[in-house]
Amino acid sequence: MPSHTAQVSEGFNYSDMAKGVYKRTTNRGWFKKGQIPWNIGKKNPLAKENPQVFRKGHTPWNKNKKGEYHIFPNGREFSEEWIKNMKKNHKGMTGKKHSEETILKMRIKRSKQIFPTKNTKIERIMQDELKDKKIDFEKHAILLNKYRVDLFIKPNLVIECDGDYWHNLSGAQKRDRKRDFKLKEAGYNVLRFWEHEIKKSSKLCIDKVLKTLLKINK
């Protein structure tokens, strides 16, 4: 049987895979220690066709040409009109702001995406407790076309299950306070439970939920 080196240098043949000529999964095949690489001594065919590009010590064509990438090694250039249109149409949102209507559309579209795709462990614990109490709830409900809450109980009770690490970060706490303010301002009741509280005694957390529901339904 020909050696690996000979076979590969002549070109890769997929039919030889079944014969065991090519062993690609471990270092026992092509990558065996001491084995001579199949391409040793072979030059890149592109280097032969473009010696000015691949020559050792050759200065790259775009060196010190920041912003002039429309010039290519073969001398071809884009037209001035094309470059002008590119600069005009690719400024993005620099110096601009979305309209309120556009922002609302973006929020509604994002609200249809589910993040996270799976319930967290503490969310599942609270869900199980609510099911045991025969309380109907909605997971990851969207309120005010903006806020996705962990659990929502009609008519207006929001339950948030906060991880001890992420929700303890200063930025997260600031966002949570702002979010709670907006929800309460709109007439929602918000209950937040820390991860350690849920894990220590989920029943105490549910008792607090039940008491809040009694007040709401009075």
N, C-alpha and C. Protein backbone atom coordinates (compact mmCIF):
# COMPACT_ATOMS: atom_id res chain seq x y z
N MET A 1 0.85 -1.19 0.00
CA MET A 1 0.00 0.00 0.00
C MET A 1 0.89 1.24 0.00
N PRO A 2 0.60 2.23 -0.86
CA PRO A 2 1.41 3.44 -0.89
C PRO A 2 1.39 4.15 0.45
N SER A 3 2.42 4.93 0.71
CA SER A 3 2.49 5.65 1.98
C SER A 3 1.50 6.81 1.98
N HIS A 4 1.26 7.34 3.18
CA HIS A 4 0.37 8.49 3.30
C HIS A 4 0.90 9.65 2.47
N THR A 5 2.20 9.88 2.54
CA THR A 5 2.81 11.01 1.86
C THR A 5 2.56 10.94 0.37
N ALA A 6 2.75 9.77 -0.20
CA ALA A 6 2.59 9.61 -1.64
C ALA A 6 1.15 9.83 -2.05
N GLN A 7 0.23 9.26 -1.27
CA GLN A 7 -1.19 9.37 -1.61
C GLN A 7 -1.66 10.82 -1.56
N VAL A 8 -1.31 11.52 -0.49
CA VAL A 8 -1.81 12.88 -0.33
C VAL A 8 -1.20 13.81 -1.34
N SER A 9 0.07 13.62 -1.68
CA SER A 9 0.73 14.50 -2.64
C SER A 9 0.11 14.39 -4.02
N GLU A 10 -0.50 13.22 -4.33
CA GLU A 10 -1.13 13.04 -5.63
C GLU A 10 -2.54 13.60 -5.64
N GLY A 11 -3.09 13.94 -4.49
CA GLY A 11 -4.45 14.48 -4.42
C GLY A 11 -5.32 13.63 -3.52
N PHE A 12 -6.20 14.28 -2.85
CA PHE A 12 -7.06 13.59 -1.89
C PHE A 12 -8.10 12.77 -2.61
N ASN A 13 -8.22 11.50 -2.24
CA ASN A 13 -9.19 10.60 -2.87
C ASN A 13 -10.14 10.09 -1.80
N TYR A 14 -11.41 10.49 -1.87
CA TYR A 14 -12.37 10.12 -0.84
C TYR A 14 -12.63 8.62 -0.80
N SER A 15 -12.46 7.94 -1.93
CA SER A 15 -12.71 6.49 -1.94
C SER A 15 -11.69 5.75 -1.10
N ASP A 16 -10.53 6.38 -0.89
CA ASP A 16 -9.48 5.75 -0.09
C ASP A 16 -9.75 5.86 1.41
N MET A 17 -10.72 6.69 1.78
CA MET A 17 -11.03 6.83 3.21
C MET A 17 -11.43 5.49 3.81
N ALA A 18 -12.26 4.74 3.05
CA ALA A 18 -12.74 3.45 3.55
C ALA A 18 -11.62 2.42 3.64
N LYS A 19 -10.58 2.62 2.82
CA LYS A 19 -9.48 1.66 2.81
C LYS A 19 -8.48 1.90 3.95
N GLY A 20 -8.68 3.01 4.66
CA GLY A 20 -7.79 3.29 5.77
C GLY A 20 -6.53 4.01 5.38
N VAL A 21 -6.50 4.52 4.11
CA VAL A 21 -5.31 5.25 3.68
C VAL A 21 -5.19 6.56 4.45
N TYR A 22 -6.36 7.22 4.67
CA TYR A 22 -6.38 8.47 5.40
C TYR A 22 -6.96 8.25 6.79
N LYS A 23 -6.21 8.55 7.79
CA LYS A 23 -6.69 8.45 9.17
C LYS A 23 -6.61 9.85 9.77
N ARG A 24 -7.77 10.49 9.82
CA ARG A 24 -7.77 11.91 10.14
C ARG A 24 -8.13 12.22 11.59
N THR A 25 -8.60 11.24 12.33
CA THR A 25 -9.16 11.54 13.65
C THR A 25 -8.13 11.60 14.78
N THR A 26 -7.01 10.92 14.65
CA THR A 26 -6.02 10.94 15.74
C THR A 26 -4.64 11.19 15.17
N ASN A 27 -3.65 11.30 16.08
CA ASN A 27 -2.28 11.54 15.63
C ASN A 27 -1.59 10.26 15.17
N ARG A 28 -2.37 9.16 15.00
CA ARG A 28 -1.78 7.92 14.51
C ARG A 28 -1.74 7.89 12.99
N GLY A 29 -2.40 8.85 12.36
CA GLY A 29 -2.47 8.86 10.90
C GLY A 29 -1.57 9.92 10.32
N TRP A 30 -2.18 10.95 9.75
CA TRP A 30 -1.41 12.02 9.11
C TRP A 30 -0.45 12.69 10.07
N PHE A 31 -0.86 12.86 11.32
CA PHE A 31 -0.10 13.68 12.23
C PHE A 31 0.82 12.87 13.15
N LYS A 32 1.22 11.72 12.70
CA LYS A 32 2.12 10.89 13.49
C LYS A 32 3.45 11.59 13.67
N LYS A 33 3.99 11.52 14.88
CA LYS A 33 5.24 12.20 15.19
C LYS A 33 6.36 11.69 14.29
N GLY A 34 7.08 12.62 13.69
CA GLY A 34 8.20 12.26 12.82
C GLY A 34 7.80 12.06 11.36
N GLN A 35 6.51 12.07 11.08
CA GLN A 35 6.05 11.86 9.70
C GLN A 35 6.33 13.10 8.86
N ILE A 36 6.74 12.90 7.63
CA ILE A 36 7.06 14.01 6.75
C ILE A 36 5.77 14.60 6.17
N PRO A 37 5.52 15.88 6.33
CA PRO A 37 4.31 16.49 5.78
C PRO A 37 4.24 16.30 4.27
N TRP A 38 3.00 16.09 3.76
CA TRP A 38 2.84 15.81 2.34
C TRP A 38 3.22 17.00 1.46
N ASN A 39 3.15 18.23 2.03
CA ASN A 39 3.40 19.41 1.20
C ASN A 39 4.78 20.00 1.42
N ILE A 40 5.67 19.25 2.06
CA ILE A 40 7.01 19.79 2.30
C ILE A 40 7.72 19.99 0.98
N GLY A 41 8.35 21.13 0.82
CA GLY A 41 9.08 21.43 -0.41
C GLY A 41 8.19 21.91 -1.54
N LYS A 42 6.88 21.96 -1.32
CA LYS A 42 5.96 22.41 -2.37
C LYS A 42 5.59 23.87 -2.10
N LYS A 43 5.70 24.69 -3.13
CA LYS A 43 5.37 26.09 -2.97
C LYS A 43 3.90 26.34 -3.27
N ASN A 44 3.40 27.38 -2.65
CA ASN A 44 2.03 27.78 -2.90
C ASN A 44 1.89 28.18 -4.37
N PRO A 45 0.97 27.54 -5.14
CA PRO A 45 0.81 27.89 -6.54
C PRO A 45 0.45 29.36 -6.74
N LEU A 46 -0.23 29.96 -5.75
CA LEU A 46 -0.57 31.37 -5.84
C LEU A 46 0.68 32.25 -5.77
N ALA A 47 1.68 31.75 -5.03
CA ALA A 47 2.92 32.51 -4.90
C ALA A 47 3.63 32.59 -6.23
N LYS A 48 3.54 31.53 -7.04
CA LYS A 48 4.19 31.51 -8.35
C LYS A 48 3.49 32.47 -9.30
N GLU A 49 2.14 32.53 -9.18
CA GLU A 49 1.37 33.39 -10.06
C GLU A 49 1.46 34.86 -9.64
N ASN A 50 1.67 35.10 -8.35
CA ASN A 50 1.71 36.48 -7.83
C ASN A 50 2.97 36.70 -6.99
N PRO A 51 4.13 36.64 -7.61
CA PRO A 51 5.38 36.77 -6.82
C PRO A 51 5.49 38.11 -6.10
N GLN A 52 4.86 39.17 -6.67
CA GLN A 52 4.97 40.49 -6.05
C GLN A 52 4.19 40.55 -4.73
N VAL A 53 3.22 39.64 -4.56
CA VAL A 53 2.41 39.65 -3.34
C VAL A 53 3.02 38.77 -2.26
N PHE A 54 3.53 37.59 -2.64
CA PHE A 54 4.00 36.61 -1.67
C PHE A 54 5.51 36.62 -1.45
N ARG A 55 6.24 37.52 -2.12
CA ARG A 55 7.69 37.52 -1.98
C ARG A 55 8.09 37.87 -0.55
N LYS A 56 9.05 37.15 -0.01
CA LYS A 56 9.53 37.38 1.34
C LYS A 56 10.07 38.80 1.46
N GLY A 57 9.61 39.51 2.49
CA GLY A 57 10.06 40.88 2.70
C GLY A 57 9.27 41.90 1.91
N HIS A 58 8.28 41.41 1.14
CA HIS A 58 7.46 42.32 0.32
C HIS A 58 6.57 43.18 1.22
N THR A 59 6.48 44.46 0.93
CA THR A 59 5.64 45.36 1.72
C THR A 59 4.18 45.19 1.31
N PRO A 60 3.28 44.93 2.27
CA PRO A 60 1.86 44.78 1.94
C PRO A 60 1.34 46.00 1.18
N TRP A 61 0.45 45.75 0.24
CA TRP A 61 -0.06 46.84 -0.60
C TRP A 61 -0.80 47.91 0.17
N ASN A 62 -1.41 47.50 1.32
CA ASN A 62 -2.23 48.47 2.06
C ASN A 62 -1.53 49.05 3.28
N LYS A 63 -0.23 48.86 3.38
CA LYS A 63 0.48 49.39 4.54
C LYS A 63 0.47 50.92 4.52
N ASN A 64 0.14 51.52 5.68
CA ASN A 64 0.06 52.97 5.82
C ASN A 64 -0.96 53.62 4.89
N LYS A 65 -1.96 52.86 4.49
CA LYS A 65 -3.01 53.40 3.60
C LYS A 65 -4.36 53.30 4.28
N LYS A 66 -4.44 53.82 5.48
CA LYS A 66 -5.68 53.78 6.22
C LYS A 66 -6.79 54.51 5.47
N GLY A 67 -7.90 53.82 5.30
CA GLY A 67 -9.02 54.43 4.61
C GLY A 67 -8.91 54.38 3.10
N GLU A 68 -7.90 53.70 2.57
CA GLU A 68 -7.74 53.63 1.12
C GLU A 68 -7.83 52.20 0.62
N TYR A 69 -8.71 51.42 1.22
CA TYR A 69 -8.80 50.01 0.88
C TYR A 69 -9.48 49.74 -0.44
N HIS A 70 -9.90 50.81 -1.13
CA HIS A 70 -10.50 50.61 -2.45
C HIS A 70 -9.45 50.40 -3.52
N ILE A 71 -8.16 50.50 -3.15
CA ILE A 71 -7.07 50.29 -4.10
C ILE A 71 -6.57 48.86 -3.94
N PHE A 72 -6.46 48.12 -5.03
CA PHE A 72 -6.07 46.72 -4.99
C PHE A 72 -4.68 46.51 -5.59
N PRO A 73 -4.02 45.39 -5.28
CA PRO A 73 -2.67 45.12 -5.79
C PRO A 73 -2.60 45.13 -7.30
N ASN A 74 -3.69 44.73 -7.97
CA ASN A 74 -3.64 44.68 -9.43
C ASN A 74 -3.87 46.04 -10.06
N GLY A 75 -4.00 47.08 -9.22
CA GLY A 75 -4.14 48.43 -9.75
C GLY A 75 -5.58 48.86 -9.97
N ARG A 76 -6.55 47.93 -9.82
CA ARG A 76 -7.95 48.28 -10.06
C ARG A 76 -8.46 49.17 -8.94
N GLU A 77 -9.22 50.17 -9.30
CA GLU A 77 -9.78 51.08 -8.31
C GLU A 77 -11.29 51.24 -8.56
N PHE A 78 -12.02 51.50 -7.47
CA PHE A 78 -13.43 51.80 -7.62
C PHE A 78 -13.56 53.23 -8.14
N SER A 79 -14.66 53.48 -8.81
CA SER A 79 -14.89 54.83 -9.34
C SER A 79 -15.15 55.79 -8.18
N GLU A 80 -14.87 57.06 -8.40
CA GLU A 80 -15.09 58.07 -7.38
C GLU A 80 -16.57 58.14 -6.97
N GLU A 81 -17.45 57.93 -7.96
CA GLU A 81 -18.89 57.97 -7.69
C GLU A 81 -19.29 56.82 -6.75
N TRP A 82 -18.68 55.62 -7.00
CA TRP A 82 -18.99 54.45 -6.16
C TRP A 82 -18.53 54.69 -4.73
N ILE A 83 -17.32 55.25 -4.60
CA ILE A 83 -16.76 55.52 -3.26
C ILE A 83 -17.62 56.55 -2.53
N LYS A 84 -18.06 57.57 -3.26
CA LYS A 84 -18.89 58.62 -2.67
C LYS A 84 -20.21 58.05 -2.15
N ASN A 85 -20.82 57.17 -2.94
CA ASN A 85 -22.08 56.55 -2.54
C ASN A 85 -21.90 55.63 -1.34
N MET A 86 -20.77 54.90 -1.30
CA MET A 86 -20.48 54.02 -0.18
C MET A 86 -20.37 54.82 1.12
N LYS A 87 -19.64 55.94 1.05
CA LYS A 87 -19.46 56.77 2.24
C LYS A 87 -20.79 57.38 2.69
N LYS A 88 -21.62 57.72 1.73
CA LYS A 88 -22.90 58.35 2.03
C LYS A 88 -23.88 57.37 2.65
N ASN A 89 -23.88 56.13 2.13
CA ASN A 89 -24.89 55.15 2.54
C ASN A 89 -24.46 54.25 3.69
N HIS A 90 -23.24 54.39 4.19
CA HIS A 90 -22.76 53.50 5.25
C HIS A 90 -22.32 54.27 6.49
N LYS A 91 -23.04 55.30 6.82
CA LYS A 91 -22.72 56.07 8.03
C LYS A 91 -23.43 55.52 9.25
N GLY A 92 -24.38 54.58 9.02
CA GLY A 92 -25.10 54.00 10.14
C GLY A 92 -25.95 55.04 10.86
N MET A 93 -25.97 54.96 12.19
CA MET A 93 -26.79 55.87 12.99
C MET A 93 -25.96 56.98 13.64
N THR A 94 -24.76 57.23 13.12
CA THR A 94 -23.90 58.26 13.70
C THR A 94 -24.59 59.61 13.68
N GLY A 95 -24.74 60.19 14.87
CA GLY A 95 -25.37 61.50 14.98
C GLY A 95 -26.87 61.50 14.79
N LYS A 96 -27.47 60.32 14.70
CA LYS A 96 -28.92 60.24 14.51
C LYS A 96 -29.58 59.53 15.69
N LYS A 97 -30.89 59.65 15.77
CA LYS A 97 -31.65 58.95 16.81
C LYS A 97 -32.88 58.33 16.19
N HIS A 98 -33.26 57.14 16.69
CA HIS A 98 -34.48 56.50 16.22
C HIS A 98 -35.69 57.30 16.70
N SER A 99 -36.74 57.31 15.90
CA SER A 99 -37.97 57.97 16.31
C SER A 99 -38.66 57.11 17.38
N GLU A 100 -39.57 57.71 18.12
CA GLU A 100 -40.30 56.98 19.17
C GLU A 100 -41.08 55.82 18.56
N GLU A 101 -41.62 56.05 17.37
CA GLU A 101 -42.38 55.00 16.68
C GLU A 101 -41.49 53.80 16.34
N THR A 102 -40.28 54.10 15.86
CA THR A 102 -39.33 53.03 15.52
C THR A 102 -38.88 52.28 16.75
N ILE A 103 -38.63 53.01 17.84
CA ILE A 103 -38.21 52.38 19.10
C ILE A 103 -39.28 51.43 19.60
N LEU A 104 -40.56 51.86 19.50
CA LEU A 104 -41.67 51.02 19.95
C LEU A 104 -41.75 49.74 19.11
N LYS A 105 -41.58 49.88 17.80
CA LYS A 105 -41.61 48.71 16.90
C LYS A 105 -40.49 47.74 17.25
N MET A 106 -39.30 48.28 17.54
CA MET A 106 -38.14 47.45 17.90
C MET A 106 -38.41 46.71 19.21
N ARG A 107 -39.02 47.41 20.17
CA ARG A 107 -39.32 46.78 21.47
C ARG A 107 -40.31 45.63 21.31
N ILE A 108 -41.34 45.87 20.50
CA ILE A 108 -42.36 44.84 20.29
C ILE A 108 -41.75 43.62 19.61
N LYS A 109 -40.88 43.88 18.64
CA LYS A 109 -40.24 42.76 17.93
C LYS A 109 -39.32 41.98 18.86
N ARG A 110 -38.56 42.70 19.67
CA ARG A 110 -37.66 42.03 20.61
C ARG A 110 -38.43 41.26 21.67
N SER A 111 -39.60 41.76 22.01
CA SER A 111 -40.39 41.11 23.05
C SER A 111 -40.84 39.71 22.64
N LYS A 112 -40.84 39.44 21.34
CA LYS A 112 -41.25 38.12 20.85
C LYS A 112 -40.13 37.11 20.96
N GLN A 113 -38.91 37.62 21.20
CA GLN A 113 -37.78 36.72 21.39
C GLN A 113 -37.74 36.29 22.86
N ILE A 114 -37.43 35.03 23.09
CA ILE A 114 -37.42 34.51 24.45
C ILE A 114 -35.99 34.40 24.97
N PHE A 115 -35.66 35.20 25.98
CA PHE A 115 -34.36 35.15 26.63
C PHE A 115 -34.58 35.11 28.13
N PRO A 116 -34.09 34.15 28.86
CA PRO A 116 -33.41 32.97 28.35
C PRO A 116 -34.41 31.98 27.77
N THR A 117 -33.92 31.07 26.95
CA THR A 117 -34.80 30.09 26.32
C THR A 117 -35.27 29.05 27.32
N LYS A 118 -34.53 28.90 28.43
CA LYS A 118 -34.91 27.94 29.47
C LYS A 118 -35.12 28.65 30.79
N ASN A 119 -35.99 28.09 31.60
CA ASN A 119 -36.20 28.65 32.93
C ASN A 119 -34.98 28.37 33.81
N THR A 120 -34.65 29.31 34.67
CA THR A 120 -33.55 29.08 35.61
C THR A 120 -34.03 28.13 36.71
N LYS A 121 -33.08 27.63 37.47
CA LYS A 121 -33.42 26.68 38.53
C LYS A 121 -34.37 27.30 39.56
N ILE A 122 -34.09 28.54 39.97
CA ILE A 122 -34.93 29.18 40.99
C ILE A 122 -36.31 29.51 40.43
N GLU A 123 -36.39 29.80 39.14
CA GLU A 123 -37.70 30.03 38.51
C GLU A 123 -38.53 28.74 38.54
N ARG A 124 -37.89 27.63 38.25
CA ARG A 124 -38.60 26.35 38.25
C ARG A 124 -39.11 26.00 39.66
N ILE A 125 -38.30 26.34 40.67
CA ILE A 125 -38.72 26.07 42.07
C ILE A 125 -40.00 26.86 42.38
N MET A 126 -40.01 28.14 42.01
CA MET A 126 -41.18 28.97 42.26
C MET A 126 -42.39 28.52 41.44
N GLN A 127 -42.14 28.11 40.22
CA GLN A 127 -43.24 27.61 39.38
C GLN A 127 -43.88 26.37 39.99
N ASP A 128 -43.05 25.47 40.50
CA ASP A 128 -43.56 24.24 41.12
C ASP A 128 -44.40 24.56 42.37
N GLU A 129 -43.94 25.54 43.14
CA GLU A 129 -44.68 25.93 44.35
C GLU A 129 -46.04 26.53 43.98
N LEU A 130 -46.07 27.35 42.93
CA LEU A 130 -47.33 27.96 42.49
C LEU A 130 -48.29 26.90 41.95
N LYS A 131 -47.74 25.92 41.25
CA LYS A 131 -48.58 24.82 40.74
C LYS A 131 -49.20 24.02 41.90
N ASP A 132 -48.40 23.79 42.94
CA ASP A 132 -48.90 23.06 44.11
C ASP A 132 -50.06 23.81 44.79
N LYS A 133 -50.01 25.14 44.72
CA LYS A 133 -51.05 25.96 45.33
C LYS A 133 -52.21 26.22 44.36
N LYS A 134 -52.13 25.61 43.17
CA LYS A 134 -53.18 25.77 42.16
C LYS A 134 -53.35 27.23 41.73
N ILE A 135 -52.23 27.93 41.65
CA ILE A 135 -52.26 29.34 41.23
C ILE A 135 -51.85 29.43 39.76
N ASP A 136 -52.69 30.02 38.95
CA ASP A 136 -52.37 30.19 37.53
C ASP A 136 -51.36 31.32 37.36
N PHE A 137 -50.39 31.11 36.49
CA PHE A 137 -49.37 32.13 36.25
C PHE A 137 -48.90 32.02 34.80
N GLU A 138 -48.22 33.06 34.38
CA GLU A 138 -47.64 33.10 33.03
C GLU A 138 -46.14 33.27 33.14
N LYS A 139 -45.40 32.48 32.36
CA LYS A 139 -43.94 32.57 32.38
C LYS A 139 -43.45 33.58 31.34
N HIS A 140 -42.48 34.38 31.74
CA HIS A 140 -41.82 35.33 30.84
C HIS A 140 -42.80 36.21 30.07
N ALA A 141 -43.75 36.74 30.78
CA ALA A 141 -44.76 37.62 30.17
C ALA A 141 -44.13 38.97 29.82
N ILE A 142 -44.67 39.62 28.78
CA ILE A 142 -44.21 40.94 28.37
C ILE A 142 -45.19 41.98 28.89
N LEU A 143 -44.67 42.95 29.65
CA LEU A 143 -45.52 44.01 30.19
C LEU A 143 -45.07 45.36 29.66
N LEU A 144 -46.00 46.21 29.36
CA LEU A 144 -45.75 47.56 28.85
C LEU A 144 -44.98 47.55 27.52
N ASN A 145 -45.11 46.43 26.80
CA ASN A 145 -44.39 46.27 25.52
C ASN A 145 -42.88 46.43 25.67
N LYS A 146 -42.38 46.19 26.88
CA LYS A 146 -40.97 46.49 27.12
C LYS A 146 -40.29 45.52 28.07
N TYR A 147 -40.97 45.17 29.16
CA TYR A 147 -40.33 44.38 30.21
C TYR A 147 -40.79 42.93 30.20
N ARG A 148 -39.83 42.02 30.17
CA ARG A 148 -40.13 40.59 30.29
C ARG A 148 -39.92 40.19 31.74
N VAL A 149 -40.99 39.74 32.37
CA VAL A 149 -40.91 39.38 33.79
C VAL A 149 -40.84 37.86 33.94
N ASP A 150 -40.26 37.42 35.06
CA ASP A 150 -40.08 35.97 35.27
C ASP A 150 -41.43 35.26 35.39
N LEU A 151 -42.30 35.79 36.26
CA LEU A 151 -43.62 35.19 36.47
C LEU A 151 -44.66 36.30 36.61
N PHE A 152 -45.83 36.08 36.03
CA PHE A 152 -46.89 37.07 36.11
C PHE A 152 -48.20 36.39 36.50
N ILE A 153 -48.84 36.92 37.54
CA ILE A 153 -50.13 36.40 38.00
C ILE A 153 -51.17 37.50 37.81
N LYS A 154 -52.22 37.19 37.09
CA LYS A 154 -53.26 38.18 36.84
C LYS A 154 -53.98 38.51 38.15
N PRO A 155 -54.40 39.75 38.36
CA PRO A 155 -54.43 40.81 37.36
C PRO A 155 -53.15 41.63 37.24
N ASN A 156 -52.35 41.72 38.33
CA ASN A 156 -51.23 42.66 38.25
C ASN A 156 -50.04 42.33 39.17
N LEU A 157 -49.79 41.05 39.41
CA LEU A 157 -48.68 40.69 40.29
C LEU A 157 -47.48 40.16 39.49
N VAL A 158 -46.36 40.80 39.70
CA VAL A 158 -45.11 40.42 39.04
C VAL A 158 -44.18 39.77 40.06
N ILE A 159 -43.62 38.62 39.69
CA ILE A 159 -42.66 37.92 40.56
C ILE A 159 -41.34 37.81 39.82
N GLU A 160 -40.28 38.32 40.44
CA GLU A 160 -38.94 38.26 39.85
C GLU A 160 -38.06 37.37 40.72
N CYS A 161 -37.33 36.46 40.08
CA CYS A 161 -36.41 35.56 40.78
C CYS A 161 -34.99 35.99 40.43
N ASP A 162 -34.31 36.62 41.36
CA ASP A 162 -33.01 37.25 41.10
C ASP A 162 -31.84 36.37 41.54
N GLY A 163 -30.95 36.11 40.61
CA GLY A 163 -29.73 35.38 40.95
C GLY A 163 -28.84 36.22 41.85
N ASP A 164 -28.21 35.60 42.83
CA ASP A 164 -27.42 36.34 43.82
C ASP A 164 -26.24 37.09 43.21
N TYR A 165 -25.67 36.54 42.14
CA TYR A 165 -24.48 37.19 41.56
C TYR A 165 -24.87 38.32 40.62
N TRP A 166 -25.60 37.99 39.54
CA TRP A 166 -25.86 38.97 38.49
C TRP A 166 -26.69 40.15 38.98
N HIS A 167 -27.68 39.90 39.80
CA HIS A 167 -28.55 41.00 40.24
C HIS A 167 -27.94 41.79 41.39
N ASN A 168 -26.77 41.36 41.86
CA ASN A 168 -26.06 42.12 42.89
C ASN A 168 -25.09 43.12 42.29
N LEU A 169 -24.86 43.05 40.99
CA LEU A 169 -23.97 43.99 40.32
C LEU A 169 -24.63 45.37 40.32
N SER A 170 -23.81 46.41 40.44
CA SER A 170 -24.36 47.77 40.56
C SER A 170 -25.23 48.15 39.37
N GLY A 171 -24.79 47.80 38.17
CA GLY A 171 -25.56 48.13 36.97
C GLY A 171 -26.89 47.42 36.95
N ALA A 172 -26.90 46.16 37.38
CA ALA A 172 -28.14 45.38 37.40
C ALA A 172 -29.12 45.93 38.42
N GLN A 173 -28.62 46.32 39.59
CA GLN A 173 -29.48 46.88 40.63
C GLN A 173 -30.13 48.18 40.18
N LYS A 174 -29.38 48.98 39.45
CA LYS A 174 -29.91 50.24 38.93
C LYS A 174 -31.02 49.97 37.93
N ARG A 175 -30.79 49.01 37.04
CA ARG A 175 -31.81 48.65 36.04
C ARG A 175 -33.06 48.08 36.71
N ASP A 176 -32.85 47.25 37.73
CA ASP A 176 -33.99 46.65 38.43
C ASP A 176 -34.85 47.71 39.12
N ARG A 177 -34.20 48.68 39.75
CA ARG A 177 -34.94 49.75 40.45
C ARG A 177 -35.76 50.57 39.44
N LYS A 178 -35.14 50.88 38.32
CA LYS A 178 -35.84 51.66 37.28
C LYS A 178 -37.02 50.87 36.72
N ARG A 179 -36.79 49.59 36.50
CA ARG A 179 -37.83 48.70 35.97
C ARG A 179 -39.00 48.59 36.96
N ASP A 180 -38.68 48.39 38.24
CA ASP A 180 -39.72 48.28 39.28
C ASP A 180 -40.54 49.56 39.36
N PHE A 181 -39.86 50.69 39.28
CA PHE A 181 -40.55 51.98 39.35
C PHE A 181 -41.56 52.13 38.21
N LYS A 182 -41.13 51.78 36.99
CA LYS A 182 -42.01 51.89 35.83
C LYS A 182 -43.21 50.96 35.95
N LEU A 183 -42.97 49.74 36.43
CA LEU A 183 -44.07 48.78 36.58
C LEU A 183 -45.06 49.21 37.66
N LYS A 184 -44.54 49.67 38.79
CA LYS A 184 -45.41 50.12 39.88
C LYS A 184 -46.20 51.36 39.46
N GLU A 185 -45.55 52.22 38.70
CA GLU A 185 -46.20 53.42 38.21
C GLU A 185 -47.38 53.07 37.29
N ALA A 186 -47.25 51.93 36.60
CA ALA A 186 -48.31 51.48 35.69
C ALA A 186 -49.38 50.66 36.42
N GLY A 187 -49.21 50.47 37.76
CA GLY A 187 -50.24 49.78 38.53
C GLY A 187 -49.95 48.32 38.85
N TYR A 188 -48.71 47.87 38.60
CA TYR A 188 -48.34 46.49 38.91
C TYR A 188 -47.73 46.40 40.31
N ASN A 189 -47.94 45.25 40.94
CA ASN A 189 -47.27 44.93 42.21
C ASN A 189 -46.06 44.05 41.89
N VAL A 190 -44.91 44.40 42.44
CA VAL A 190 -43.68 43.68 42.11
C VAL A 190 -43.09 43.03 43.36
N LEU A 191 -42.86 41.73 43.30
CA LEU A 191 -42.18 41.00 44.38
C LEU A 191 -40.88 40.43 43.83
N ARG A 192 -39.80 40.73 44.54
CA ARG A 192 -38.49 40.20 44.13
C ARG A 192 -37.98 39.24 45.21
N PHE A 193 -37.51 38.09 44.77
CA PHE A 193 -36.94 37.10 45.70
C PHE A 193 -35.52 36.77 45.26
N TRP A 194 -34.62 36.79 46.23
CA TRP A 194 -33.23 36.45 45.95
C TRP A 194 -33.07 34.93 45.82
N GLU A 195 -32.07 34.56 45.11
CA GLU A 195 -31.76 33.12 44.91
C GLU A 195 -31.62 32.38 46.23
N HIS A 196 -30.87 32.98 47.17
CA HIS A 196 -30.65 32.29 48.46
C HIS A 196 -31.94 32.18 49.27
N GLU A 197 -32.86 33.14 49.10
CA GLU A 197 -34.15 33.08 49.80
C GLU A 197 -35.00 31.92 49.27
N ILE A 198 -35.02 31.79 47.94
CA ILE A 198 -35.82 30.73 47.32
C ILE A 198 -35.27 29.36 47.68
N LYS A 199 -33.94 29.24 47.65
CA LYS A 199 -33.33 27.94 47.95
C LYS A 199 -33.45 27.57 49.42
N LYS A 200 -33.40 28.58 50.27
CA LYS A 200 -33.49 28.31 51.71
C LYS A 200 -34.92 27.92 52.11
N SER A 201 -35.90 28.67 51.60
CA SER A 201 -37.29 28.36 51.95
C SER A 201 -38.23 28.94 50.89
N SER A 202 -38.51 28.15 49.89
CA SER A 202 -39.42 28.61 48.83
C SER A 202 -40.84 28.78 49.38
N LYS A 203 -41.17 28.03 50.44
CA LYS A 203 -42.52 28.12 51.02
C LYS A 203 -42.77 29.49 51.64
N LEU A 204 -41.74 30.07 52.26
CA LEU A 204 -41.88 31.41 52.82
C LEU A 204 -42.12 32.43 51.71
N CYS A 205 -41.44 32.22 50.59
CA CYS A 205 -41.60 33.11 49.43
C CYS A 205 -43.03 33.02 48.90
N ILE A 206 -43.54 31.79 48.81
CA ILE A 206 -44.91 31.59 48.32
C ILE A 206 -45.94 32.17 49.29
N ASP A 207 -45.66 32.07 50.59
CA ASP A 207 -46.56 32.67 51.59
C ASP A 207 -46.68 34.18 51.36
N LYS A 208 -45.55 34.79 51.03
CA LYS A 208 -45.55 36.23 50.76
C LYS A 208 -46.37 36.53 49.50
N VAL A 209 -46.28 35.65 48.52
CA VAL A 209 -47.06 35.80 47.28
C VAL A 209 -48.55 35.70 47.59
N LEU A 210 -48.92 34.73 48.42
CA LEU A 210 -50.34 34.52 48.79
C LEU A 210 -50.90 35.72 49.53
N LYS A 211 -50.11 36.28 50.44
CA LYS A 211 -50.57 37.45 51.20
C LYS A 211 -50.78 38.64 50.27
N THR A 212 -49.88 38.80 49.32
CA THR A 212 -50.00 39.91 48.36
C THR A 212 -51.24 39.73 47.48
N LEU A 213 -51.51 38.48 47.06
CA LEU A 213 -52.69 38.21 46.24
C LEU A 213 -53.98 38.51 47.01
N LEU A 214 -53.98 38.20 48.31
CA LEU A 214 -55.17 38.50 49.14
C LEU A 214 -55.44 39.99 49.18
N LYS A 215 -54.39 40.80 49.34
CA LYS A 215 -54.53 42.24 49.37
C LYS A 215 -55.05 42.77 48.03
N ILE A 216 -54.51 42.19 46.93
CA ILE A 216 -54.91 42.65 45.60
C ILE A 216 -56.37 42.34 45.33
N ASN A 217 -56.83 41.17 45.77
CA ASN A 217 -58.18 40.71 45.46
C ASN A 217 -59.25 41.20 46.45
N LYS A 218 -58.84 42.00 47.43
CA LYS A 218 -59.82 42.52 48.40
C LYS A 218 -60.76 43.54 47.74
